[in-house]
Amino acid sequence: MKITSVDGGRVPGTYHPTFLYESLWCVGVALLVIWADRRFKLGHGRAFALYVASYCAGRAWIEYMRVDEAHHILGLRLNVWTALIVLVLAIAYIVVSARLRPGREEIVEPAAAEDDGITGSGDQDADSAGTESADTAAAGAGSGKGPRKSPGKTGKD
């Protein structure tokens, strides 16, 4: 993008459209995360870590192109250093997590597993051990183990 006007304190010159680059990078990162999650069955937060690592790689590249004022440390902008540090941390998480907990989680939502009877504490009080009234059991109230109604049903159907 070429800027020739000096109105409003602008400095004439040729500049990169970094906002466009970042937008396109974010679309690419989203497609990468979707593909990688389907291909490699990422779990235990690794899809999010892949997003963070990929975003930070692009952020470092885009920040390196910018010409506006910023703090510099060892010749690089502070924003580049931040992106590189977070990139390394995200990659480290992906590696360590893959070694400690490979694959996906078996149960993503513990509450859903309890409702299906997969897990549970087995603690039922005397009232909910089978002595609920027909109305309470039909509504699924009380112990939470009664039949469920479909969403939008009023019971008068």
C-alpha atoms as a PDB file:
ATOM      1  CA  MET A   1       0.000   0.000   0.000  1.00  0.00           C
ATOM      2  CA  LYS A   2       1.473   3.337  -1.033  1.00  0.00           C
ATOM      3  CA  ILE A   3       0.748   6.446   1.038  1.00  0.00           C
ATOM      4  CA  THR A   4       1.537   9.768  -0.640  1.00  0.00           C
ATOM      5  CA  SER A   5      -0.447  12.231   1.477  1.00  0.00           C
ATOM      6  CA  VAL A   6       1.067  13.931   4.534  1.00  0.00           C
ATOM      7  CA  ASP A   7      -2.341  14.941   5.954  1.00  0.00           C
ATOM      8  CA  GLY A   8      -2.981  13.967   9.558  1.00  0.00           C
ATOM      9  CA  GLY A   9       0.669  13.312  10.381  1.00  0.00           C
ATOM     10  CA  ARG A  10       1.074  10.478   7.869  1.00  0.00           C
ATOM     11  CA  VAL A  11       4.528   9.618   6.605  1.00  0.00           C
ATOM     12  CA  PRO A  12       4.600   8.942   2.861  1.00  0.00           C
ATOM     13  CA  GLY A  13       5.881   5.537   1.818  1.00  0.00           C
ATOM     14  CA  THR A  14       4.986   1.967   0.944  1.00  0.00           C
ATOM     15  CA  TYR A  15       3.539  -0.118   3.750  1.00  0.00           C
ATOM     16  CA  HIS A  16       2.365  -3.687   4.205  1.00  0.00           C
ATOM     17  CA  PRO A  17      -1.351  -4.207   4.908  1.00  0.00           C
ATOM     18  CA  THR A  18      -0.626  -6.082   8.146  1.00  0.00           C
ATOM     19  CA  PHE A  19      -4.294  -6.218   9.197  1.00  0.00           C
ATOM     20  CA  LEU A  20      -5.097  -8.050   5.957  1.00  0.00           C
ATOM     21  CA  TYR A  21      -2.165 -10.419   6.503  1.00  0.00           C
ATOM     22  CA  GLU A  22      -3.327 -11.155  10.027  1.00  0.00           C
ATOM     23  CA  SER A  23      -6.909 -11.789   8.918  1.00  0.00           C
ATOM     24  CA  LEU A  24      -5.789 -14.225   6.239  1.00  0.00           C
ATOM     25  CA  TRP A  25      -3.397 -15.884   8.689  1.00  0.00           C
ATOM     26  CA  CYS A  26      -6.216 -16.388  11.204  1.00  0.00           C
ATOM     27  CA  VAL A  27      -8.378 -18.085   8.567  1.00  0.00           C
ATOM     28  CA  GLY A  28      -5.460 -20.363   7.697  1.00  0.00           C
ATOM     29  CA  VAL A  29      -4.856 -21.159  11.371  1.00  0.00           C
ATOM     30  CA  ALA A  30      -8.535 -22.051  11.853  1.00  0.00           C
ATOM     31  CA  LEU A  31      -8.420 -24.418   8.870  1.00  0.00           C
ATOM     32  CA  LEU A  32      -5.169 -25.937  10.162  1.00  0.00           C
ATOM     33  CA  VAL A  33      -6.631 -26.602  13.626  1.00  0.00           C
ATOM     34  CA  ILE A  34      -9.792 -28.166  12.189  1.00  0.00           C
ATOM     35  CA  TRP A  35      -7.769 -30.390   9.834  1.00  0.00           C
ATOM     36  CA  ALA A  36      -5.226 -31.409  12.496  1.00  0.00           C
ATOM     37  CA  ASP A  37      -7.929 -32.206  15.065  1.00  0.00           C
ATOM     38  CA  ARG A  38      -9.737 -34.454  12.604  1.00  0.00           C
ATOM     39  CA  ARG A  39      -6.540 -36.075  11.319  1.00  0.00           C
ATOM     40  CA  PHE A  40      -4.634 -36.576  14.574  1.00  0.00           C
ATOM     41  CA  LYS A  41      -7.516 -36.702  17.115  1.00  0.00           C
ATOM     42  CA  LEU A  42      -6.052 -33.927  19.275  1.00  0.00           C
ATOM     43  CA  GLY A  43      -7.249 -33.952  22.849  1.00  0.00           C
ATOM     44  CA  HIS A  44      -6.398 -32.624  26.292  1.00  0.00           C
ATOM     45  CA  GLY A  45      -6.138 -29.032  25.050  1.00  0.00           C
ATOM     46  CA  ARG A  46      -3.739 -29.768  22.209  1.00  0.00           C
ATOM     47  CA  ALA A  47      -6.047 -28.257  19.559  1.00  0.00           C
ATOM     48  CA  PHE A  48      -6.045 -24.995  21.511  1.00  0.00           C
ATOM     49  CA  ALA A  49      -2.271 -25.189  21.968  1.00  0.00           C
ATOM     50  CA  LEU A  50      -1.898 -25.711  18.210  1.00  0.00           C
ATOM     51  CA  TYR A  51      -4.021 -22.618  17.637  1.00  0.00           C
ATOM     52  CA  VAL A  52      -1.879 -20.590  20.063  1.00  0.00           C
ATOM     53  CA  ALA A  53       1.386 -21.809  18.516  1.00  0.00           C
ATOM     54  CA  SER A  54       0.201 -21.169  14.950  1.00  0.00           C
ATOM     55  CA  TYR A  55      -1.212 -17.754  15.784  1.00  0.00           C
ATOM     56  CA  CYS A  56       2.018 -16.745  17.537  1.00  0.00           C
ATOM     57  CA  ALA A  57       4.126 -17.835  14.557  1.00  0.00           C
ATOM     58  CA  GLY A  58       2.077 -15.595  12.302  1.00  0.00           C
ATOM     59  CA  ARG A  59       2.022 -12.811  14.858  1.00  0.00           C
ATOM     60  CA  ALA A  60       5.832 -12.800  15.087  1.00  0.00           C
ATOM     61  CA  TRP A  61       6.091 -12.670  11.280  1.00  0.00           C
ATOM     62  CA  ILE A  62       3.540  -9.846  11.003  1.00  0.00           C
ATOM     63  CA  GLU A  63       5.054  -7.843  13.875  1.00  0.00           C
ATOM     64  CA  TYR A  64       8.457  -8.104  12.200  1.00  0.00           C
ATOM     65  CA  MET A  65       7.039  -6.259   9.151  1.00  0.00           C
ATOM     66  CA  ARG A  66       5.553  -3.359  11.113  1.00  0.00           C
ATOM     67  CA  VAL A  67       7.291   0.003  11.127  1.00  0.00           C
ATOM     68  CA  ASP A  68       5.460   1.831  13.923  1.00  0.00           C
ATOM     69  CA  GLU A  69       7.129   2.685  17.233  1.00  0.00           C
ATOM     70  CA  ALA A  70       7.567  -0.119  19.744  1.00  0.00           C
ATOM     71  CA  HIS A  71       9.951  -1.121  22.495  1.00  0.00           C
ATOM     72  CA  HIS A  72      12.938  -3.137  21.268  1.00  0.00           C
ATOM     73  CA  ILE A  73      14.880  -5.769  23.206  1.00  0.00           C
ATOM     74  CA  LEU A  74      18.024  -7.230  21.629  1.00  0.00           C
ATOM     75  CA  GLY A  75      17.047  -5.794  18.258  1.00  0.00           C
ATOM     76  CA  LEU A  76      13.527  -7.267  18.129  1.00  0.00           C
ATOM     77  CA  ARG A  77      10.214  -5.662  19.006  1.00  0.00           C
ATOM     78  CA  LEU A  78       8.762  -6.608  22.380  1.00  0.00           C
ATOM     79  CA  ASN A  79       5.698  -7.984  20.552  1.00  0.00           C
ATOM     80  CA  VAL A  80       7.905 -10.378  18.570  1.00  0.00           C
ATOM     81  CA  TRP A  81       9.580 -11.612  21.750  1.00  0.00           C
ATOM     82  CA  THR A  82       6.198 -12.156  23.387  1.00  0.00           C
ATOM     83  CA  ALA A  83       4.919 -14.123  20.392  1.00  0.00           C
ATOM     84  CA  LEU A  84       8.080 -16.265  20.287  1.00  0.00           C
ATOM     85  CA  ILE A  85       7.959 -17.057  24.013  1.00  0.00           C
ATOM     86  CA  VAL A  86       4.290 -18.036  23.883  1.00  0.00           C
ATOM     87  CA  LEU A  87       4.979 -20.071  20.708  1.00  0.00           C
ATOM     88  CA  VAL A  88       7.689 -22.073  22.503  1.00  0.00           C
ATOM     89  CA  LEU A  89       5.421 -22.624  25.533  1.00  0.00           C
ATOM     90  CA  ALA A  90       2.546 -23.837  23.319  1.00  0.00           C
ATOM     91  CA  ILE A  91       4.816 -26.265  21.451  1.00  0.00           C
ATOM     92  CA  ALA A  92       6.215 -27.538  24.759  1.00  0.00           C
ATOM     93  CA  TYR A  93       2.666 -28.144  26.004  1.00  0.00           C
ATOM     94  CA  ILE A  94       1.764 -30.074  22.857  1.00  0.00           C
ATOM     95  CA  VAL A  95       4.843 -32.318  23.202  1.00  0.00           C
ATOM     96  CA  VAL A  96       4.532 -32.933  26.954  1.00  0.00           C
ATOM     97  CA  SER A  97       0.769 -33.450  26.794  1.00  0.00           C
ATOM     98  CA  ALA A  98       1.086 -35.940  23.935  1.00  0.00           C
ATOM     99  CA  ARG A  99       3.578 -37.980  25.955  1.00  0.00           C
ATOM    100  CA  LEU A 100       1.667 -37.891  29.239  1.00  0.00           C
ATOM    101  CA  ARG A 101      -1.889 -38.253  27.872  1.00  0.00           C
ATOM    102  CA  PRO A 102      -1.992 -39.493  24.276  1.00  0.00           C
ATOM    103  CA  GLY A 103      -5.246 -39.472  22.331  1.00  0.00           C
ATOM    104  CA  ARG A 104      -8.536 -37.810  23.160  1.00  0.00           C
ATOM    105  CA  GLU A 105     -10.424 -37.657  26.405  1.00  0.00           C
ATOM    106  CA  GLU A 106     -12.896 -40.498  26.817  1.00  0.00           C
ATOM    107  CA  ILE A 107     -15.426 -38.297  28.583  1.00  0.00           C
ATOM    108  CA  VAL A 108     -15.465 -34.649  27.621  1.00  0.00           C
ATOM    109  CA  GLU A 109     -18.390 -33.599  29.818  1.00  0.00           C
ATOM    110  CA  PRO A 110     -18.491 -35.431  33.173  1.00  0.00           C
ATOM    111  CA  ALA A 111     -22.104 -34.369  33.801  1.00  0.00           C
ATOM    112  CA  ALA A 112     -23.212 -36.099  30.602  1.00  0.00           C
ATOM    113  CA  ALA A 113     -21.504 -39.318  31.689  1.00  0.00           C
ATOM    114  CA  GLU A 114     -23.213 -39.232  35.072  1.00  0.00           C
ATOM    115  CA  ASP A 115     -26.602 -38.791  33.406  1.00  0.00           C
ATOM    116  CA  ASP A 116     -25.929 -41.820  31.213  1.00  0.00           C
ATOM    117  CA  GLY A 117     -24.979 -43.906  34.244  1.00  0.00           C
ATOM    118  CA  ILE A 118     -21.330 -44.347  33.205  1.00  0.00           C
ATOM    119  CA  THR A 119     -19.912 -42.824  36.365  1.00  0.00           C
ATOM    120  CA  GLY A 120     -21.338 -41.632  39.611  1.00  0.00           C
ATOM    121  CA  SER A 121     -20.813 -41.569  43.317  1.00  0.00           C
ATOM    122  CA  GLY A 122     -23.580 -44.053  44.061  1.00  0.00           C
ATOM    123  CA  ASP A 123     -24.810 -41.834  46.901  1.00  0.00           C
ATOM    124  CA  GLN A 124     -28.583 -41.780  46.940  1.00  0.00           C
ATOM    125  CA  ASP A 125     -30.655 -40.761  49.864  1.00  0.00           C
ATOM    126  CA  ALA A 126     -33.650 -42.776  51.008  1.00  0.00           C
ATOM    127  CA  ASP A 127     -36.142 -40.531  49.208  1.00  0.00           C
ATOM    128  CA  SER A 128     -34.536 -40.885  45.803  1.00  0.00           C
ATOM    129  CA  ALA A 129     -33.858 -44.612  45.972  1.00  0.00           C
ATOM    130  CA  GLY A 130     -37.041 -45.463  44.121  1.00  0.00           C
ATOM    131  CA  THR A 131     -39.788 -43.854  46.201  1.00  0.00           C
ATOM    132  CA  GLU A 132     -40.414 -40.810  44.014  1.00  0.00           C
ATOM    133  CA  SER A 133     -43.950 -40.036  43.014  1.00  0.00           C
ATOM    134  CA  ALA A 134     -44.967 -40.630  39.407  1.00  0.00           C
ATOM    135  CA  ASP A 135     -45.185 -36.872  38.711  1.00  0.00           C
ATOM    136  CA  THR A 136     -41.666 -36.213  40.055  1.00  0.00           C
ATOM    137  CA  ALA A 137     -40.140 -39.155  38.200  1.00  0.00           C
ATOM    138  CA  ALA A 138     -41.848 -38.168  34.953  1.00  0.00           C
ATOM    139  CA  ALA A 139     -40.479 -34.642  35.257  1.00  0.00           C
ATOM    140  CA  GLY A 140     -36.963 -35.939  35.870  1.00  0.00           C
ATOM    141  CA  ALA A 141     -36.674 -34.016  39.143  1.00  0.00           C
ATOM    142  CA  GLY A 142     -35.550 -35.271  42.524  1.00  0.00           C
ATOM    143  CA  SER A 143     -32.538 -37.507  42.106  1.00  0.00           C
ATOM    144  CA  GLY A 144     -32.060 -36.585  38.467  1.00  0.00           C
ATOM    145  CA  LYS A 145     -32.333 -40.267  37.484  1.00  0.00           C
ATOM    146  CA  GLY A 146     -35.921 -40.193  36.217  1.00  0.00           C
ATOM    147  CA  PRO A 147     -36.976 -40.159  32.585  1.00  0.00           C
ATOM    148  CA  ARG A 148     -36.114 -37.019  30.643  1.00  0.00           C
ATOM    149  CA  LYS A 149     -38.557 -34.966  28.668  1.00  0.00           C
ATOM    150  CA  SER A 150     -37.710 -33.696  25.236  1.00  0.00           C
ATOM    151  CA  PRO A 151     -36.970 -29.985  25.026  1.00  0.00           C
ATOM    152  CA  GLY A 152     -40.097 -27.960  24.363  1.00  0.00           C
ATOM    153  CA  LYS A 153     -42.490 -30.629  25.717  1.00  0.00           C
ATOM    154  CA  THR A 154     -44.911 -29.503  28.416  1.00  0.00           C
ATOM    155  CA  GLY A 155     -46.111 -32.872  29.593  1.00  0.00           C
ATOM    156  CA  LYS A 156     -49.606 -32.219  28.191  1.00  0.00           C
ATOM    157  CA  ASP A 157     -48.758 -33.647  24.744  1.00  0.00           C
END
